[in-house]
Protein backbone atom coordinates (compact mmCIF):
# COMPACT_ATOMS: atom_id res chain seq x y z
CA MET A 1 135.53 184.66 188.08
CA PRO A 2 133.10 183.26 185.52
CA TYR A 3 134.65 180.73 183.14
CA ILE A 4 133.10 178.19 180.72
CA THR A 5 135.33 175.30 179.59
CA ILE A 6 135.13 174.53 175.89
CA ASN A 7 137.52 171.98 174.27
CA ASN A 8 139.61 172.06 177.40
CA LYS A 9 140.00 175.73 177.20
CA LYS A 10 138.68 178.20 179.82
CA ILE A 11 136.69 181.00 178.23
CA TYR A 12 136.18 184.04 180.29
CA TYR A 13 132.95 186.16 180.23
CA LYS A 14 130.84 188.65 182.23
CA GLU A 15 127.09 189.34 182.34
CA TYR A 16 125.11 192.49 183.29
CA GLY A 17 121.42 193.14 183.33
CA HIS A 18 118.42 191.11 182.20
CA GLY A 19 116.32 190.82 179.00
CA GLU A 20 117.14 189.89 175.51
CA PRO A 21 120.85 188.88 175.29
CA ILE A 22 123.32 191.00 173.42
CA VAL A 23 126.74 189.35 172.94
CA PHE A 24 129.85 191.57 172.24
CA LEU A 25 132.89 190.24 170.43
CA ASN A 26 136.32 191.84 170.87
CA GLY A 27 138.61 193.33 168.19
CA VAL A 28 142.31 192.47 168.44
CA MET A 29 143.90 193.83 171.52
CA MET A 30 140.51 194.29 173.12
CA SER A 31 139.03 192.37 176.18
CA THR A 32 135.81 192.15 178.11
CA ASN A 33 136.90 195.34 179.97
CA SER A 34 136.89 197.32 176.68
CA TRP A 35 133.10 197.28 176.82
CA SER A 36 132.89 198.78 180.39
CA PRO A 37 131.81 202.23 179.33
CA PHE A 38 128.57 200.86 177.91
CA ILE A 39 127.38 198.60 180.76
CA ARG A 40 125.11 201.16 182.45
CA THR A 41 123.24 202.00 179.20
CA ILE A 42 122.87 198.48 177.84
CA SER A 43 122.07 196.60 181.10
CA LYS A 44 119.05 198.72 181.72
CA ASP A 45 117.00 196.89 179.16
CA TYR A 46 119.16 194.01 177.89
CA ARG A 47 121.21 191.09 179.14
CA MET A 48 124.75 192.21 178.23
CA ILE A 49 127.28 189.41 177.69
CA VAL A 50 130.97 190.11 177.01
CA VAL A 51 133.32 187.35 176.24
CA ASP A 52 137.04 186.75 175.62
CA LEU A 53 137.43 184.14 172.92
CA ILE A 54 140.60 182.12 172.65
CA ASP A 55 143.88 184.19 172.91
CA GLN A 56 141.90 187.13 174.21
CA GLY A 57 141.81 188.82 177.69
CA LYS A 58 141.60 186.36 180.48
CA SER A 59 140.73 183.30 178.32
CA ASP A 60 143.25 180.52 177.69
CA SER A 61 145.76 180.54 174.91
CA HIS A 62 145.21 178.25 171.97
CA GLU A 63 148.86 177.49 171.29
CA GLU A 64 148.18 176.16 167.83
CA GLU A 65 147.14 177.91 164.67
CA TYR A 66 143.50 178.43 163.99
CA THR A 67 141.17 180.51 161.98
CA VAL A 68 138.25 182.96 162.42
CA GLU A 69 135.88 179.92 161.85
CA THR A 70 137.52 178.28 164.93
CA GLN A 71 136.57 181.34 166.96
CA ALA A 72 133.03 181.13 165.64
CA ASP A 73 132.77 177.54 166.67
CA PHE A 74 134.05 178.32 170.18
CA LEU A 75 131.30 181.03 170.31
CA LYS A 76 128.69 178.52 169.34
CA GLU A 77 129.63 176.13 172.12
CA PHE A 78 129.76 179.08 174.55
CA LEU A 79 126.22 180.11 173.69
CA ASP A 80 125.09 176.37 173.82
CA LYS A 81 126.47 176.08 177.41
CA LEU A 82 124.63 179.27 178.45
CA LYS A 83 121.47 177.97 176.68
CA LEU A 84 121.25 181.19 174.62
CA GLU A 85 119.12 181.47 171.48
CA ASN A 86 117.97 184.43 169.41
CA ILE A 87 120.94 186.65 170.46
CA HIS A 88 121.81 190.12 169.31
CA LEU A 89 125.36 189.81 168.09
CA LEU A 90 127.82 192.84 167.90
CA GLY A 91 131.37 192.39 166.62
CA MET A 92 134.03 195.09 166.43
CA SER A 93 136.81 194.76 163.83
CA TYR A 94 138.17 191.28 164.27
CA GLY A 95 135.08 190.49 166.22
CA GLY A 96 133.03 191.57 163.24
CA LYS A 97 134.81 188.90 161.22
CA VAL A 98 133.79 186.29 163.90
CA ALA A 99 130.32 187.65 163.91
CA LEU A 100 129.95 187.40 160.11
CA THR A 101 131.34 183.81 160.18
CA PHE A 102 129.14 182.75 163.08
CA THR A 103 125.99 184.17 161.44
CA LEU A 104 126.64 182.46 158.09
CA LYS A 105 127.16 179.14 159.89
CA TYR A 106 124.67 179.42 162.79
CA GLU A 107 122.09 182.07 161.60
CA TYR A 108 119.35 180.26 163.55
CA LYS A 109 120.87 181.58 166.75
CA VAL A 110 121.11 185.19 165.64
CA LYS A 111 118.16 187.60 165.87
CA THR A 112 120.17 190.76 164.85
CA LEU A 113 123.67 191.30 163.61
CA MET A 114 125.78 194.40 164.27
CA LEU A 115 129.06 194.93 162.59
CA SER A 116 131.37 197.73 163.63
CA ASN A 117 134.55 198.82 161.71
CA THR A 118 134.96 195.48 160.05
CA ASP A 119 135.28 193.88 156.61
CA SER A 120 134.17 190.68 154.79
CA TYR A 121 137.63 189.90 153.67
CA THR A 122 141.21 190.65 154.75
CA THR A 123 142.80 192.95 152.33
CA LYS A 124 146.47 192.85 151.16
CA ILE A 125 147.09 196.17 152.85
CA MET A 126 145.72 194.82 156.19
CA ASN A 127 147.87 191.69 155.89
CA ASP A 128 151.00 193.87 155.49
CA ILE A 129 149.98 196.10 158.33
CA GLY A 130 149.58 192.93 160.42
CA LYS A 131 153.10 191.81 159.49
CA ALA A 132 154.37 195.18 160.74
CA TRP A 133 152.48 194.89 163.93
CA ILE A 134 153.75 191.30 164.45
CA TYR A 135 157.29 192.42 163.89
CA ALA A 136 156.91 195.32 166.36
CA ALA A 137 155.37 193.07 168.93
CA SER A 138 158.22 190.50 168.58
CA THR A 139 160.63 193.23 169.96
CA LEU A 140 158.74 192.84 173.27
CA ASP A 141 159.14 196.64 173.58
CA GLY A 142 155.88 198.32 174.37
CA ASN A 143 157.08 201.75 173.11
CA ILE A 144 158.10 200.42 169.72
CA PHE A 145 154.93 198.40 169.35
CA SER A 146 152.71 201.29 170.47
CA SER A 147 154.34 203.71 168.10
CA ILE A 148 153.66 201.41 165.13
CA ALA A 149 150.18 200.06 166.07
CA LEU A 150 148.32 202.77 167.86
CA PRO A 151 148.56 205.59 165.28
CA TYR A 152 146.41 203.38 162.95
CA MET A 153 143.57 203.14 165.68
CA TYR A 154 142.58 206.78 166.02
CA SER A 155 141.81 209.92 164.02
CA TYR A 156 144.59 212.51 163.67
CA ASN A 157 142.79 215.04 165.92
CA TYR A 158 141.97 212.50 168.64
CA TYR A 159 145.56 211.28 168.73
CA GLU A 160 146.89 214.78 169.06
CA ILE A 161 144.49 215.91 171.77
CA ASN A 162 144.69 212.60 173.76
CA TYR A 163 148.37 212.07 173.31
CA GLU A 164 149.13 211.53 177.03
CA ASP A 165 146.37 209.03 177.47
CA ILE A 166 147.67 207.18 174.39
CA LYS A 167 151.18 207.21 175.95
CA GLU A 168 149.70 205.71 179.12
CA LYS A 169 148.31 202.86 176.95
CA ALA A 170 151.98 202.43 175.72
CA ARG A 171 153.11 202.22 179.30
CA ILE A 172 150.56 199.55 180.19
CA LEU A 173 151.55 197.57 177.12
CA SER A 174 155.16 197.69 178.21
CA LYS A 175 154.23 195.88 181.43
CA ILE A 176 152.25 193.09 179.66
CA LEU A 177 154.10 192.58 176.43
CA ASP A 178 156.01 189.38 176.85
CA GLU A 179 156.50 186.18 174.90
CA LYS A 180 153.12 184.82 175.86
CA TRP A 181 151.29 188.06 174.87
CA TYR A 182 153.18 188.16 171.61
CA GLY A 183 152.22 184.53 170.80
CA ARG A 184 148.58 185.25 171.47
CA PHE A 185 148.65 188.46 169.42
CA LYS A 186 150.37 186.85 166.47
CA ARG A 187 148.04 183.90 166.36
CA SER A 188 144.98 186.24 166.40
CA LEU A 189 146.30 188.27 163.47
CA ASP A 190 147.35 185.13 161.56
CA SER A 191 143.87 183.54 162.07
CA ALA A 192 142.34 186.29 159.90
CA ARG A 193 145.07 186.27 157.19
CA ASP A 194 143.01 184.31 154.63
CA PHE A 195 139.58 185.43 155.81
CA ASN A 196 137.09 185.93 153.02
CA VAL A 197 133.31 185.56 153.24
CA SER A 198 132.50 188.46 150.73
CA HIS A 199 131.12 185.98 148.26
CA ILE A 200 128.51 184.44 150.62
CA ILE A 201 127.33 187.29 152.97
CA LYS A 202 124.49 187.88 150.60
CA ASN A 203 122.95 184.81 152.26
CA ILE A 204 122.64 186.69 155.59
CA LYS A 205 118.92 187.52 156.17
CA VAL A 206 118.81 188.71 159.80
CA PRO A 207 118.40 192.48 160.38
CA THR A 208 121.93 193.90 160.12
CA LEU A 209 123.55 197.23 161.30
CA ILE A 210 126.81 198.26 159.83
CA ILE A 211 128.86 201.03 161.53
CA SER A 212 131.68 202.85 159.85
CA SER A 213 134.15 205.56 160.80
CA GLU A 214 134.79 208.44 158.41
CA LEU A 215 138.53 208.37 159.02
CA ASP A 216 139.20 204.61 159.55
CA ILE A 217 142.38 203.65 157.83
CA ILE A 218 142.36 199.95 158.95
CA THR A 219 138.92 199.08 157.61
CA PRO A 220 138.02 201.95 155.29
CA ILE A 221 134.42 202.85 154.60
CA LYS A 222 134.42 201.14 151.20
CA TYR A 223 134.60 197.76 152.91
CA GLN A 224 131.54 198.38 155.00
CA GLN A 225 129.77 199.72 151.93
CA LEU A 226 130.46 196.33 150.29
CA ILE A 227 128.81 194.48 153.21
CA HIS A 228 125.88 196.89 153.08
CA GLN A 229 125.30 196.30 149.30
CA LYS A 230 125.34 192.52 149.72
CA ILE A 231 123.28 192.05 152.86
CA GLU A 232 119.68 192.79 151.85
CA ASN A 233 117.87 195.55 153.86
CA SER A 234 120.97 196.31 156.06
CA LYS A 235 121.31 199.63 157.73
CA TRP A 236 124.61 201.50 157.32
CA ILE A 237 125.73 204.47 159.54
CA ILE A 238 128.96 206.48 159.27
CA ILE A 239 130.30 208.24 162.34
CA GLU A 240 131.97 211.47 161.30
CA GLY A 241 135.42 212.61 162.36
CA VAL A 242 136.64 209.37 164.03
CA GLY A 243 139.09 206.68 163.25
CA HIS A 244 139.04 202.86 163.59
CA ALA A 245 138.47 203.01 167.37
CA SER A 246 135.14 204.95 167.07
CA MET A 247 133.70 203.33 170.28
CA PHE A 248 136.48 205.06 172.24
CA GLU A 249 136.56 208.37 170.32
CA LYS A 250 132.78 208.99 170.41
CA PRO A 251 131.33 206.53 172.84
CA GLU A 252 127.92 208.30 173.21
CA ASP A 253 127.34 208.39 169.53
CA TYR A 254 128.50 204.77 169.13
CA ILE A 255 126.17 203.42 171.82
CA SER A 256 123.21 205.59 170.73
CA ILE A 257 123.44 204.10 167.18
CA ILE A 258 123.28 200.52 168.63
CA MET A 259 120.44 201.23 171.07
CA ASP A 260 118.40 203.00 168.35
CA PHE A 261 118.96 200.00 166.03
CA MET A 262 117.77 197.62 168.81
CA LYS A 263 114.69 199.63 169.50
CA GLU A 264 113.77 199.46 165.76
């Protein structure tokens, strides 16, 4: 399996296709496999790179507290080792925070920036939701954790119609939720607790796409609107009828928005 060692930590990644590189950054509870539905479409014309940063997927645990900036610095070392410049960078939710931080710090490496269901600062509500998720995860009971965390991810209709599939996710979580998983999950959420770049994102000058979900209750539309207002000439698109996990609810719409932006 492909790993790159950075600061004595093994970072897992996968590559598909050839062409200009597009790097995908995970949200909390996502991994490289989360992007699998889009491989065929993206790899036709682009070099698709998916990566698990620290405490994600198959990459190593960090074991000590860190921040979103720590993740951005790991990403920079990762790109350097792959000799990647002028990347297209897409971040989903937590990954969007990393993408914003990375672009602010290393903009010379970024050709375009794509931000999905994310915000430029962690709200008080999100911090309190995070505390509830951490408590639920601390029970090491997948059913308890799923019943508290997963309803936030999807729209009401999607949750009702796909309830059995969501219950299957709960069963999978029950198999992997142990002390190690809990520690990684907690550190990830804690790393974004004090995140705030809203006052400096106006400095971002690369072409930027912002994707919102009409029914997102984790990162509501107003927070993407704020990013749109502050990043000059950014493009903002709202996907109707979906919740936070828009990439899973309407995958065809989601990837079409990205590909259209890339072609522009």
